[in-house]
Amino acid sequence: MLTGTDLLAKVKEMGDVNKSDLVRACGYVSTKKDGTERLNFTAFYEALLNAKGMDIGASAKGGKAGRKLSFNTKVQFNGNLMVGKAYTALLDLKPGDEFEIKLGRKQIRLVPLGGEEEES
């Protein structure tokens, strides 16, 4: 499979051809269990966007695209305040990481145990 500048050069070289032929010529083909050919259009277009400087998978960190983070939350019916996986992934937090809860006048701050508290 071609990537980067090699992919861009091949696309330019082939010009105005059938999209299936273009995907095939760039190597985005796999074989199904029954032996027939499968053209991987999605992988081709993702590689093409990446080659043009648009990395569409970077923000997702390997997950599927979804809603944008709102950075808002609300207290649940049982009184819990939830911070979702997308937010902890942004901070590269792992299961077992511990925090000190600091209460301010109108804020709650989570300070990593053993870490330096940043001033904001």
PDB file of N, CA and C in Angstrom:
ATOM      1  N   MET A   1       0.837  -1.182   0.000  1.00  0.00           N
ATOM      2  CA  MET A   1       0.000   0.000   0.000  1.00  0.00           C
ATOM      3  C   MET A   1       0.877   1.238   0.000  1.00  0.00           C
ATOM      4  N   LEU A   2       0.575   2.144  -0.896  1.00  0.00           N
ATOM      5  CA  LEU A   2       1.331   3.383  -0.973  1.00  0.00           C
ATOM      6  C   LEU A   2       0.829   4.363   0.083  1.00  0.00           C
ATOM      7  N   THR A   3       1.736   5.152   0.623  1.00  0.00           N
ATOM      8  CA  THR A   3       1.382   6.189   1.596  1.00  0.00           C
ATOM      9  C   THR A   3       2.212   7.430   1.311  1.00  0.00           C
ATOM     10  N   GLY A   4       1.847   8.518   1.942  1.00  0.00           N
ATOM     11  CA  GLY A   4       2.629   9.749   1.878  1.00  0.00           C
ATOM     12  C   GLY A   4       2.836  10.263   0.464  1.00  0.00           C
ATOM     13  N   THR A   5       4.060  10.725   0.196  1.00  0.00           N
ATOM     14  CA  THR A   5       4.368  11.328  -1.101  1.00  0.00           C
ATOM     15  C   THR A   5       4.267  10.319  -2.237  1.00  0.00           C
ATOM     16  N   ASP A   6       4.554   9.042  -1.951  1.00  0.00           N
ATOM     17  CA  ASP A   6       4.410   8.005  -2.991  1.00  0.00           C
ATOM     18  C   ASP A   6       2.947   7.882  -3.432  1.00  0.00           C
ATOM     19  N   LEU A   7       2.040   7.938  -2.483  1.00  0.00           N
ATOM     20  CA  LEU A   7       0.613   7.858  -2.789  1.00  0.00           C
ATOM     21  C   LEU A   7       0.174   9.069  -3.615  1.00  0.00           C
ATOM     22  N   LEU A   8       0.582  10.254  -3.188  1.00  0.00           N
ATOM     23  CA  LEU A   8       0.214  11.476  -3.919  1.00  0.00           C
ATOM     24  C   LEU A   8       0.754  11.444  -5.344  1.00  0.00           C
ATOM     25  N   ALA A   9       1.991  10.976  -5.516  1.00  0.00           N
ATOM     26  CA  ALA A   9       2.602  10.908  -6.844  1.00  0.00           C
ATOM     27  C   ALA A   9       1.838   9.937  -7.742  1.00  0.00           C
ATOM     28  N   LYS A  10       1.430   8.784  -7.201  1.00  0.00           N
ATOM     29  CA  LYS A  10       0.704   7.776  -7.979  1.00  0.00           C
ATOM     30  C   LYS A  10      -0.662   8.305  -8.405  1.00  0.00           C
ATOM     31  N   VAL A  11      -1.348   8.992  -7.506  1.00  0.00           N
ATOM     32  CA  VAL A  11      -2.665   9.551  -7.813  1.00  0.00           C
ATOM     33  C   VAL A  11      -2.529  10.584  -8.933  1.00  0.00           C
ATOM     34  N   LYS A  12      -1.514  11.428  -8.833  1.00  0.00           N
ATOM     35  CA  LYS A  12      -1.275  12.450  -9.847  1.00  0.00           C
ATOM     36  C   LYS A  12      -0.907  11.802 -11.186  1.00  0.00           C
ATOM     37  N   GLU A  13      -0.074  10.779 -11.132  1.00  0.00           N
ATOM     38  CA  GLU A  13       0.376  10.064 -12.328  1.00  0.00           C
ATOM     39  C   GLU A  13      -0.788   9.420 -13.073  1.00  0.00           C
ATOM     40  N   MET A  14      -1.726   8.829 -12.323  1.00  0.00           N
ATOM     41  CA  MET A  14      -2.832   8.108 -12.949  1.00  0.00           C
ATOM     42  C   MET A  14      -3.888   9.042 -13.513  1.00  0.00           C
ATOM     43  N   GLY A  15      -3.957  10.259 -12.996  1.00  0.00           N
ATOM     44  CA  GLY A  15      -4.892  11.242 -13.540  1.00  0.00           C
ATOM     45  C   GLY A  15      -6.341  10.872 -13.327  1.00  0.00           C
ATOM     46  N   ASP A  16      -7.141  11.098 -14.377  1.00  0.00           N
ATOM     47  CA  ASP A  16      -8.590  10.893 -14.287  1.00  0.00           C
ATOM     48  C   ASP A  16      -8.950   9.477 -14.711  1.00  0.00           C
ATOM     49  N   VAL A  17      -8.827   8.531 -13.769  1.00  0.00           N
ATOM     50  CA  VAL A  17      -9.164   7.132 -14.042  1.00  0.00           C
ATOM     51  C   VAL A  17     -10.298   6.709 -13.132  1.00  0.00           C
ATOM     52  N   ASN A  18     -10.815   5.555 -13.382  1.00  0.00           N
ATOM     53  CA  ASN A  18     -11.853   4.958 -12.563  1.00  0.00           C
ATOM     54  C   ASN A  18     -11.336   4.842 -11.120  1.00  0.00           C
ATOM     55  N   LYS A  19     -12.166   5.185 -10.136  1.00  0.00           N
ATOM     56  CA  LYS A  19     -11.748   5.161  -8.723  1.00  0.00           C
ATOM     57  C   LYS A  19     -11.340   3.762  -8.269  1.00  0.00           C
ATOM     58  N   SER A  20     -12.012   2.752  -8.753  1.00  0.00           N
ATOM     59  CA  SER A  20     -11.656   1.383  -8.389  1.00  0.00           C
ATOM     60  C   SER A  20     -10.256   1.039  -8.884  1.00  0.00           C
ATOM     61  N   ASP A  21      -9.953   1.458 -10.110  1.00  0.00           N
ATOM     62  CA  ASP A  21      -8.620   1.206 -10.665  1.00  0.00           C
ATOM     63  C   ASP A  21      -7.547   1.955  -9.877  1.00  0.00           C
ATOM     64  N   LEU A  22      -7.866   3.163  -9.436  1.00  0.00           N
ATOM     65  CA  LEU A  22      -6.920   3.973  -8.658  1.00  0.00           C
ATOM     66  C   LEU A  22      -6.623   3.308  -7.311  1.00  0.00           C
ATOM     67  N   VAL A  23      -7.667   2.865  -6.621  1.00  0.00           N
ATOM     68  CA  VAL A  23      -7.506   2.210  -5.325  1.00  0.00           C
ATOM     69  C   VAL A  23      -6.688   0.926  -5.489  1.00  0.00           C
ATOM     70  N   ARG A  24      -6.989   0.174  -6.535  1.00  0.00           N
ATOM     71  CA  ARG A  24      -6.275  -1.074  -6.817  1.00  0.00           C
ATOM     72  C   ARG A  24      -4.800  -0.796  -7.120  1.00  0.00           C
ATOM     73  N   ALA A  25      -4.517   0.207  -7.953  1.00  0.00           N
ATOM     74  CA  ALA A  25      -3.145   0.528  -8.347  1.00  0.00           C
ATOM     75  C   ALA A  25      -2.307   1.008  -7.159  1.00  0.00           C
ATOM     76  N   CYS A  26      -2.945   1.612  -6.168  1.00  0.00           N
ATOM     77  CA  CYS A  26      -2.223   2.109  -4.987  1.00  0.00           C
ATOM     78  C   CYS A  26      -2.064   1.034  -3.915  1.00  0.00           C
ATOM     79  N   GLY A  27      -2.638  -0.144  -4.165  1.00  0.00           N
ATOM     80  CA  GLY A  27      -2.412  -1.281  -3.273  1.00  0.00           C
ATOM     81  C   GLY A  27      -3.414  -1.447  -2.155  1.00  0.00           C
ATOM     82  N   TYR A  28      -4.539  -0.761  -2.211  1.00  0.00           N
ATOM     83  CA  TYR A  28      -5.530  -0.867  -1.149  1.00  0.00           C
ATOM     84  C   TYR A  28      -6.544  -1.949  -1.489  1.00  0.00           C
ATOM     85  N   VAL A  29      -6.041  -3.181  -1.556  1.00  0.00           N
ATOM     86  CA  VAL A  29      -6.825  -4.345  -1.932  1.00  0.00           C
ATOM     87  C   VAL A  29      -6.558  -5.447  -0.919  1.00  0.00           C
ATOM     88  N   SER A  30      -7.594  -6.161  -0.564  1.00  0.00           N
ATOM     89  CA  SER A  30      -7.430  -7.334   0.290  1.00  0.00           C
ATOM     90  C   SER A  30      -8.232  -8.476  -0.321  1.00  0.00           C
ATOM     91  N   THR A  31      -8.032  -9.669   0.185  1.00  0.00           N
ATOM     92  CA  THR A  31      -8.725 -10.842  -0.337  1.00  0.00           C
ATOM     93  C   THR A  31      -9.707 -11.351   0.706  1.00  0.00           C
ATOM     94  N   LYS A  32     -10.938 -11.536   0.288  1.00  0.00           N
ATOM     95  CA  LYS A  32     -11.970 -12.073   1.178  1.00  0.00           C
ATOM     96  C   LYS A  32     -11.747 -13.562   1.390  1.00  0.00           C
ATOM     97  N   LYS A  33     -12.482 -14.145   2.334  1.00  0.00           N
ATOM     98  CA  LYS A  33     -12.365 -15.575   2.630  1.00  0.00           C
ATOM     99  C   LYS A  33     -12.703 -16.434   1.420  1.00  0.00           C
ATOM    100  N   ASP A  34     -13.618 -15.948   0.596  1.00  0.00           N
ATOM    101  CA  ASP A  34     -14.007 -16.740  -0.580  1.00  0.00           C
ATOM    102  C   ASP A  34     -13.057 -16.538  -1.761  1.00  0.00           C
ATOM    103  N   GLY A  35     -11.980 -15.764  -1.553  1.00  0.00           N
ATOM    104  CA  GLY A  35     -10.968 -15.577  -2.587  1.00  0.00           C
ATOM    105  C   GLY A  35     -11.192 -14.391  -3.499  1.00  0.00           C
ATOM    106  N   THR A  36     -12.318 -13.702  -3.341  1.00  0.00           N
ATOM    107  CA  THR A  36     -12.572 -12.540  -4.188  1.00  0.00           C
ATOM    108  C   THR A  36     -11.848 -11.313  -3.649  1.00  0.00           C
ATOM    109  N   GLU A  37     -11.708 -10.333  -4.511  1.00  0.00           N
ATOM    110  CA  GLU A  37     -10.972  -9.110  -4.189  1.00  0.00           C
ATOM    111  C   GLU A  37     -11.884  -8.104  -3.496  1.00  0.00           C
ATOM    112  N   ARG A  38     -11.335  -7.412  -2.506  1.00  0.00           N
ATOM    113  CA  ARG A  38     -12.071  -6.351  -1.809  1.00  0.00           C
ATOM    114  C   ARG A  38     -11.248  -5.082  -1.904  1.00  0.00           C
ATOM    115  N   LEU A  39     -11.855  -4.013  -2.419  1.00  0.00           N
ATOM    116  CA  LEU A  39     -11.175  -2.720  -2.506  1.00  0.00           C
ATOM    117  C   LEU A  39     -11.430  -1.950  -1.222  1.00  0.00           C
ATOM    118  N   ASN A  40     -10.373  -1.476  -0.584  1.00  0.00           N
ATOM    119  CA  ASN A  40     -10.465  -0.777   0.703  1.00  0.00           C
ATOM    120  C   ASN A  40     -10.482   0.734   0.472  1.00  0.00           C
ATOM    121  N   PHE A  41     -11.649   1.244   0.043  1.00  0.00           N
ATOM    122  CA  PHE A  41     -11.782   2.659  -0.268  1.00  0.00           C
ATOM    123  C   PHE A  41     -11.541   3.542   0.954  1.00  0.00           C
ATOM    124  N   THR A  42     -12.078   3.144   2.108  1.00  0.00           N
ATOM    125  CA  THR A  42     -11.927   3.970   3.316  1.00  0.00           C
ATOM    126  C   THR A  42     -10.464   4.121   3.689  1.00  0.00           C
ATOM    127  N   ALA A  43      -9.726   3.025   3.701  1.00  0.00           N
ATOM    128  CA  ALA A  43      -8.303   3.102   4.032  1.00  0.00           C
ATOM    129  C   ALA A  43      -7.549   3.952   3.019  1.00  0.00           C
ATOM    130  N   PHE A  44      -7.931   3.837   1.742  1.00  0.00           N
ATOM    131  CA  PHE A  44      -7.294   4.632   0.697  1.00  0.00           C
ATOM    132  C   PHE A  44      -7.522   6.123   0.935  1.00  0.00           C
ATOM    133  N   TYR A  45      -8.776   6.504   1.157  1.00  0.00           N
ATOM    134  CA  TYR A  45      -9.079   7.928   1.339  1.00  0.00           C
ATOM    135  C   TYR A  45      -8.482   8.478   2.634  1.00  0.00           C
ATOM    136  N   GLU A  46      -8.429   7.664   3.698  1.00  0.00           N
ATOM    137  CA  GLU A  46      -7.778   8.103   4.934  1.00  0.00           C
ATOM    138  C   GLU A  46      -6.286   8.334   4.701  1.00  0.00           C
ATOM    139  N   ALA A  47      -5.642   7.428   3.956  1.00  0.00           N
ATOM    140  CA  ALA A  47      -4.218   7.585   3.646  1.00  0.00           C
ATOM    141  C   ALA A  47      -3.991   8.802   2.763  1.00  0.00           C
ATOM    142  N   LEU A  48      -4.909   9.060   1.847  1.00  0.00           N
ATOM    143  CA  LEU A  48      -4.791  10.217   0.965  1.00  0.00           C
ATOM    144  C   LEU A  48      -4.914  11.519   1.757  1.00  0.00           C
ATOM    145  N   LEU A  49      -5.884  11.559   2.663  1.00  0.00           N
ATOM    146  CA  LEU A  49      -6.028  12.749   3.520  1.00  0.00           C
ATOM    147  C   LEU A  49      -4.797  12.937   4.396  1.00  0.00           C
ATOM    148  N   ASN A  50      -4.290  11.842   4.948  1.00  0.00           N
ATOM    149  CA  ASN A  50      -3.093  11.895   5.789  1.00  0.00           C
ATOM    150  C   ASN A  50      -1.893  12.409   4.984  1.00  0.00           C
ATOM    151  N   ALA A  51      -1.773  11.951   3.743  1.00  0.00           N
ATOM    152  CA  ALA A  51      -0.672  12.379   2.890  1.00  0.00           C
ATOM    153  C   ALA A  51      -0.766  13.866   2.564  1.00  0.00           C
ATOM    154  N   LYS A  52      -1.980  14.393   2.566  1.00  0.00           N
ATOM    155  CA  LYS A  52      -2.177  15.815   2.295  1.00  0.00           C
ATOM    156  C   LYS A  52      -2.115  16.652   3.570  1.00  0.00           C
ATOM    157  N   GLY A  53      -1.766  16.024   4.704  1.00  0.00           N
ATOM    158  CA  GLY A  53      -1.572  16.768   5.946  1.00  0.00           C
ATOM    159  C   GLY A  53      -2.770  16.821   6.860  1.00  0.00           C
ATOM    160  N   MET A  54      -3.806  16.060   6.578  1.00  0.00           N
ATOM    161  CA  MET A  54      -4.992  16.037   7.438  1.00  0.00           C
ATOM    162  C   MET A  54      -5.029  14.711   8.167  1.00  0.00           C
ATOM    163  N   ASP A  55      -4.662  14.707   9.440  1.00  0.00           N
ATOM    164  CA  ASP A  55      -4.662  13.471  10.216  1.00  0.00           C
ATOM    165  C   ASP A  55      -5.993  13.357  10.937  1.00  0.00           C
ATOM    166  N   ILE A  56      -6.935  12.635  10.334  1.00  0.00           N
ATOM    167  CA  ILE A  56      -8.280  12.554  10.905  1.00  0.00           C
ATOM    168  C   ILE A  56      -8.354  11.630  12.104  1.00  0.00           C
ATOM    169  N   GLY A  57      -7.407  10.759  12.358  1.00  0.00           N
ATOM    170  CA  GLY A  57      -7.458   9.823  13.470  1.00  0.00           C
ATOM    171  C   GLY A  57      -6.744  10.279  14.708  1.00  0.00           C
ATOM    172  N   ALA A  58      -6.049  11.407  14.683  1.00  0.00           N
ATOM    173  CA  ALA A  58      -5.234  11.826  15.808  1.00  0.00           C
ATOM    174  C   ALA A  58      -6.046  12.162  17.037  1.00  0.00           C
ATOM    175  N   SER A  59      -7.169  12.872  16.886  1.00  0.00           N
ATOM    176  CA  SER A  59      -7.931  13.269  18.057  1.00  0.00           C
ATOM    177  C   SER A  59      -8.684  12.117  18.682  1.00  0.00           C
ATOM    178  N   ALA A  60      -9.049  11.109  17.889  1.00  0.00           N
ATOM    179  CA  ALA A  60      -9.781   9.998  18.401  1.00  0.00           C
ATOM    180  C   ALA A  60      -8.966   9.037  19.165  1.00  0.00           C
ATOM    181  N   LYS A  61      -7.644   9.018  19.029  1.00  0.00           N
ATOM    182  CA  LYS A  61      -6.716   8.088  19.666  1.00  0.00           C
ATOM    183  C   LYS A  61      -7.150   6.654  19.435  1.00  0.00           C
ATOM    184  N   GLY A  62      -7.491   6.365  18.185  1.00  0.00           N
ATOM    185  CA  GLY A  62      -7.816   4.999  17.844  1.00  0.00           C
ATOM    186  C   GLY A  62      -9.262   4.626  18.034  1.00  0.00           C
ATOM    187  N   GLY A  63     -10.047   5.465  18.675  1.00  0.00           N
ATOM    188  CA  GLY A  63     -11.450   5.156  18.846  1.00  0.00           C
ATOM    189  C   GLY A  63     -12.259   5.658  17.683  1.00  0.00           C
ATOM    190  N   LYS A  64     -13.542   5.376  17.739  1.00  0.00           N
ATOM    191  CA  LYS A  64     -14.414   5.841  16.678  1.00  0.00           C
ATOM    192  C   LYS A  64     -14.779   7.295  16.915  1.00  0.00           C
ATOM    193  N   ALA A  65     -15.058   7.983  15.819  1.00  0.00           N
ATOM    194  CA  ALA A  65     -15.460   9.382  15.917  1.00  0.00           C
ATOM    195  C   ALA A  65     -16.822   9.463  16.596  1.00  0.00           C
ATOM    196  N   GLY A  66     -17.020  10.480  17.355  1.00  0.00           N
ATOM    197  CA  GLY A  66     -18.284  10.656  18.045  1.00  0.00           C
ATOM    198  C   GLY A  66     -18.558  12.125  18.253  1.00  0.00           C
ATOM    199  N   ARG A  67     -19.319  12.430  19.279  1.00  0.00           N
ATOM    200  CA  ARG A  67     -19.624  13.830  19.566  1.00  0.00           C
ATOM    201  C   ARG A  67     -18.385  14.551  20.043  1.00  0.00           C
ATOM    202  N   LYS A  68     -18.386  15.855  19.849  1.00  0.00           N
ATOM    203  CA  LYS A  68     -17.290  16.663  20.371  1.00  0.00           C
ATOM    204  C   LYS A  68     -17.489  16.837  21.873  1.00  0.00           C
ATOM    205  N   LEU A  69     -16.377  16.943  22.591  1.00  0.00           N
ATOM    206  CA  LEU A  69     -16.460  17.113  24.038  1.00  0.00           C
ATOM    207  C   LEU A  69     -17.003  18.499  24.354  1.00  0.00           C
ATOM    208  N   SER A  70     -17.933  18.570  25.271  1.00  0.00           N
ATOM    209  CA  SER A  70     -18.541  19.850  25.617  1.00  0.00           C
ATOM    210  C   SER A  70     -17.851  20.500  26.814  1.00  0.00           C
ATOM    211  N   PHE A  71     -17.112  19.715  27.596  1.00  0.00           N
ATOM    212  CA  PHE A  71     -16.471  20.167  28.822  1.00  0.00           C
ATOM    213  C   PHE A  71     -17.494  20.693  29.818  1.00  0.00           C
ATOM    214  N   ASN A  72     -18.698  20.144  29.746  1.00  0.00           N
ATOM    215  CA  ASN A  72     -19.757  20.409  30.713  1.00  0.00           C
ATOM    216  C   ASN A  72     -20.251  19.077  31.232  1.00  0.00           C
ATOM    217  N   THR A  73     -20.725  19.074  32.463  1.00  0.00           N
ATOM    218  CA  THR A  73     -21.321  17.871  33.027  1.00  0.00           C
ATOM    219  C   THR A  73     -22.380  18.304  34.023  1.00  0.00           C
ATOM    220  N   LYS A  74     -23.156  17.364  34.524  1.00  0.00           N
ATOM    221  CA  LYS A  74     -24.127  17.698  35.560  1.00  0.00           C
ATOM    222  C   LYS A  74     -24.173  16.579  36.584  1.00  0.00           C
ATOM    223  N   VAL A  75     -24.644  16.906  37.746  1.00  0.00           N
ATOM    224  CA  VAL A  75     -24.770  15.930  38.822  1.00  0.00           C
ATOM    225  C   VAL A  75     -25.859  14.942  38.431  1.00  0.00           C
ATOM    226  N   GLN A  76     -25.555  13.657  38.573  1.00  0.00           N
ATOM    227  CA  GLN A  76     -26.512  12.622  38.214  1.00  0.00           C
ATOM    228  C   GLN A  76     -27.584  12.475  39.279  1.00  0.00           C
ATOM    229  N   PHE A  77     -28.620  11.695  38.979  1.00  0.00           N
ATOM    230  CA  PHE A  77     -29.754  11.535  39.890  1.00  0.00           C
ATOM    231  C   PHE A  77     -29.334  11.016  41.265  1.00  0.00           C
ATOM    232  N   ASN A  78     -28.220  10.248  41.322  1.00  0.00           N
ATOM    233  CA  ASN A  78     -27.780   9.672  42.596  1.00  0.00           C
ATOM    234  C   ASN A  78     -26.746  10.542  43.308  1.00  0.00           C
ATOM    235  N   GLY A  79     -26.500  11.733  42.789  1.00  0.00           N
ATOM    236  CA  GLY A  79     -25.572  12.654  43.432  1.00  0.00           C
ATOM    237  C   GLY A  79     -24.140  12.551  42.936  1.00  0.00           C
ATOM    238  N   ASN A  80     -23.853  11.581  42.072  1.00  0.00           N
ATOM    239  CA  ASN A  80     -22.496  11.426  41.547  1.00  0.00           C
ATOM    240  C   ASN A  80     -22.213  12.434  40.433  1.00  0.00           C
ATOM    241  N   LEU A  81     -20.971  12.775  40.320  1.00  0.00           N
ATOM    242  CA  LEU A  81     -20.509  13.650  39.251  1.00  0.00           C
ATOM    243  C   LEU A  81     -19.573  12.824  38.393  1.00  0.00           C
ATOM    244  N   MET A  82     -19.916  12.656  37.132  1.00  0.00           N
ATOM    245  CA  MET A  82     -19.153  11.754  36.272  1.00  0.00           C
ATOM    246  C   MET A  82     -18.207  12.525  35.357  1.00  0.00           C
ATOM    247  N   VAL A  83     -16.990  11.996  35.226  1.00  0.00           N
ATOM    248  CA  VAL A  83     -16.038  12.475  34.243  1.00  0.00           C
ATOM    249  C   VAL A  83     -15.815  11.306  33.293  1.00  0.00           C
ATOM    250  N   GLY A  84     -16.160  11.476  32.039  1.00  0.00           N
ATOM    251  CA  GLY A  84     -16.146  10.379  31.082  1.00  0.00           C
ATOM    252  C   GLY A  84     -14.762   9.971  30.609  1.00  0.00           C
ATOM    253  N   LYS A  85     -14.729   8.831  29.931  1.00  0.00           N
ATOM    254  CA  LYS A  85     -13.495   8.245  29.429  1.00  0.00           C
ATOM    255  C   LYS A  85     -12.782   9.165  28.447  1.00  0.00           C
ATOM    256  N   ALA A  86     -13.522   9.897  27.634  1.00  0.00           N
ATOM    257  CA  ALA A  86     -12.901  10.785  26.649  1.00  0.00           C
ATOM    258  C   ALA A  86     -12.053  11.859  27.337  1.00  0.00           C
ATOM    259  N   TYR A  87     -12.515  12.341  28.478  1.00  0.00           N
ATOM    260  CA  TYR A  87     -11.782  13.374  29.206  1.00  0.00           C
ATOM    261  C   TYR A  87     -10.532  12.799  29.869  1.00  0.00           C
ATOM    262  N   THR A  88     -10.659  11.610  30.459  1.00  0.00           N
ATOM    263  CA  THR A  88      -9.491  11.008  31.097  1.00  0.00           C
ATOM    264  C   THR A  88      -8.458  10.600  30.049  1.00  0.00           C
ATOM    265  N   ALA A  89      -8.918  10.222  28.861  1.00  0.00           N
ATOM    266  CA  ALA A  89      -7.994   9.876  27.776  1.00  0.00           C
ATOM    267  C   ALA A  89      -7.212  11.101  27.319  1.00  0.00           C
ATOM    268  N   LEU A  90      -7.865  12.268  27.289  1.00  0.00           N
ATOM    269  CA  LEU A  90      -7.172  13.505  26.914  1.00  0.00           C
ATOM    270  C   LEU A  90      -6.002  13.797  27.851  1.00  0.00           C
ATOM    271  N   LEU A  91      -6.161  13.442  29.113  1.00  0.00           N
ATOM    272  CA  LEU A  91      -5.123  13.690  30.121  1.00  0.00           C
ATOM    273  C   LEU A  91      -4.208  12.488  30.312  1.00  0.00           C
ATOM    274  N   ASP A  92      -4.438  11.449  29.530  1.00  0.00           N
ATOM    275  CA  ASP A  92      -3.645  10.220  29.594  1.00  0.00           C
ATOM    276  C   ASP A  92      -3.680   9.608  30.995  1.00  0.00           C
ATOM    277  N   LEU A  93      -4.871   9.621  31.608  1.00  0.00           N
ATOM    278  CA  LEU A  93      -5.038   9.037  32.936  1.00  0.00           C
ATOM    279  C   LEU A  93      -5.268   7.544  32.806  1.00  0.00           C
ATOM    280  N   LYS A  94      -4.759   6.802  33.747  1.00  0.00           N
ATOM    281  CA  LYS A  94      -4.855   5.342  33.737  1.00  0.00           C
ATOM    282  C   LYS A  94      -5.665   4.872  34.945  1.00  0.00           C
ATOM    283  N   PRO A  95      -6.282   3.687  34.849  1.00  0.00           N
ATOM    284  CA  PRO A  95      -6.983   3.138  36.016  1.00  0.00           C
ATOM    285  C   PRO A  95      -6.030   3.035  37.208  1.00  0.00           C
ATOM    286  N   GLY A  96      -6.490   3.485  38.342  1.00  0.00           N
ATOM    287  CA  GLY A  96      -5.658   3.447  39.540  1.00  0.00           C
ATOM    288  C   GLY A  96      -5.000   4.780  39.865  1.00  0.00           C
ATOM    289  N   ASP A  97      -4.977   5.738  38.916  1.00  0.00           N
ATOM    290  CA  ASP A  97      -4.434   7.065  39.219  1.00  0.00           C
ATOM    291  C   ASP A  97      -5.255   7.677  40.350  1.00  0.00           C
ATOM    292  N   GLU A  98      -4.564   8.315  41.306  1.00  0.00           N
ATOM    293  CA  GLU A  98      -5.249   8.863  42.479  1.00  0.00           C
ATOM    294  C   GLU A  98      -5.154  10.382  42.493  1.00  0.00           C
ATOM    295  N   PHE A  99      -6.211  11.003  43.046  1.00  0.00           N
ATOM    296  CA  PHE A  99      -6.302  12.459  43.080  1.00  0.00           C
ATOM    297  C   PHE A  99      -6.770  12.931  44.443  1.00  0.00           C
ATOM    298  N   GLU A 100      -6.356  14.120  44.796  1.00  0.00           N
ATOM    299  CA  GLU A 100      -6.899  14.812  45.962  1.00  0.00           C
ATOM    300  C   GLU A 100      -8.000  15.728  45.450  1.00  0.00           C
ATOM    301  N   ILE A 101      -9.144  15.724  46.130  1.00  0.00           N
ATOM    302  CA  ILE A 101     -10.251  16.584  45.732  1.00  0.00           C
ATOM    303  C   ILE A 101     -10.138  17.883  46.514  1.00  0.00           C
ATOM    304  N   LYS A 102     -10.020  18.998  45.807  1.00  0.00           N
ATOM    305  CA  LYS A 102      -9.944  20.311  46.444  1.00  0.00           C
ATOM    306  C   LYS A 102     -11.207  21.084  46.098  1.00  0.00           C
ATOM    307  N   LEU A 103     -11.883  21.561  47.127  1.00  0.00           N
ATOM    308  CA  LEU A 103     -13.114  22.316  46.934  1.00  0.00           C
ATOM    309  C   LEU A 103     -12.838  23.801  47.054  1.00  0.00           C
ATOM    310  N   GLY A 104     -13.268  24.552  46.065  1.00  0.00           N
ATOM    311  CA  GLY A 104     -13.177  26.008  46.097  1.00  0.00           C
ATOM    312  C   GLY A 104     -14.568  26.584  46.279  1.00  0.00           C
ATOM    313  N   ARG A 105     -14.685  27.893  46.127  1.00  0.00           N
ATOM    314  CA  ARG A 105     -16.001  28.523  46.302  1.00  0.00           C
ATOM    315  C   ARG A 105     -17.020  28.011  45.291  1.00  0.00           C
ATOM    316  N   LYS A 106     -16.639  27.936  44.049  1.00  0.00           N
ATOM    317  CA  LYS A 106     -17.564  27.460  43.015  1.00  0.00           C
ATOM    318  C   LYS A 106     -16.867  26.488  42.071  1.00  0.00           C
ATOM    319  N   GLN A 107     -15.940  25.724  42.621  1.00  0.00           N
ATOM    320  CA  GLN A 107     -15.199  24.804  41.765  1.00  0.00           C
ATOM    321  C   GLN A 107     -14.757  23.570  42.525  1.00  0.00           C
ATOM    322  N   ILE A 108     -14.520  22.523  41.780  1.00  0.00           N
ATOM    323  CA  ILE A 108     -13.936  21.288  42.299  1.00  0.00           C
ATOM    324  C   ILE A 108     -12.691  21.048  41.475  1.00  0.00           C
ATOM    325  N   ARG A 109     -11.547  20.849  42.152  1.00  0.00           N
ATOM    326  CA  ARG A 109     -10.293  20.593  41.449  1.00  0.00           C
ATOM    327  C   ARG A 109      -9.771  19.234  41.854  1.00  0.00           C
ATOM    328  N   LEU A 110      -9.301  18.494  40.878  1.00  0.00           N
ATOM    329  CA  LEU A 110      -8.684  17.204  41.119  1.00  0.00           C
ATOM    330  C   LEU A 110      -7.191  17.381  40.947  1.00  0.00           C
ATOM    331  N   VAL A 111      -6.443  17.137  42.012  1.00  0.00           N
ATOM    332  CA  VAL A 111      -4.994  17.309  41.980  1.00  0.00           C
ATOM    333  C   VAL A 111      -4.354  15.935  42.114  1.00  0.00           C
ATOM    334  N   PRO A 112      -3.526  15.538  41.132  1.00  0.00           N
ATOM    335  CA  PRO A 112      -2.896  14.223  41.209  1.00  0.00           C
ATOM    336  C   PRO A 112      -2.067  14.091  42.498  1.00  0.00           C
ATOM    337  N   LEU A 113      -2.206  12.957  43.184  1.00  0.00           N
ATOM    338  CA  LEU A 113      -1.415  12.723  44.381  1.00  0.00           C
ATOM    339  C   LEU A 113       0.052  12.551  43.985  1.00  0.00           C
ATOM    340  N   GLY A 114       0.932  13.234  44.687  1.00  0.00           N
ATOM    341  CA  GLY A 114       2.358  13.151  44.398  1.00  0.00           C
ATOM    342  C   GLY A 114       2.779  14.044  43.260  1.00  0.00           C
ATOM    343  N   GLY A 115       1.868  14.825  42.692  1.00  0.00           N
ATOM    344  CA  GLY A 115       2.222  15.717  41.590  1.00  0.00           C
ATOM    345  C   GLY A 115       2.207  17.162  42.017  1.00  0.00           C
ATOM    346  N   GLU A 116       2.720  17.997  41.170  1.00  0.00           N
ATOM    347  CA  GLU A 116       2.743  19.432  41.408  1.00  0.00           C
ATOM    348  C   GLU A 116       1.389  20.014  40.972  1.00  0.00           C
ATOM    349  N   GLU A 117       0.834  20.906  41.764  1.00  0.00           N
ATOM    350  CA  GLU A 117      -0.400  21.573  41.407  1.00  0.00           C
ATOM    351  C   GLU A 117      -0.045  22.790  40.559  1.00  0.00           C
ATOM    352  N   GLU A 118      -0.686  22.887  39.380  1.00  0.00           N
ATOM    353  CA  GLU A 118      -0.415  24.032  38.493  1.00  0.00           C
ATOM    354  C   GLU A 118      -1.325  25.170  38.882  1.00  0.00           C
ATOM    355  N   GLU A 119      -0.784  26.370  38.830  1.00  0.00           N
ATOM    356  CA  GLU A 119      -1.590  27.555  39.084  1.00  0.00           C
ATOM    357  C   GLU A 119      -2.276  27.962  37.796  1.00  0.00           C
ATOM    358  N   SER A 120      -3.561  28.354  37.876  1.00  0.00           N
ATOM    359  CA  SER A 120      -4.265  28.775  36.651  1.00  0.00           C
ATOM    360  C   SER A 120      -4.699  30.203  36.721  1.00  0.00           C
TER     361      SER A 120
END
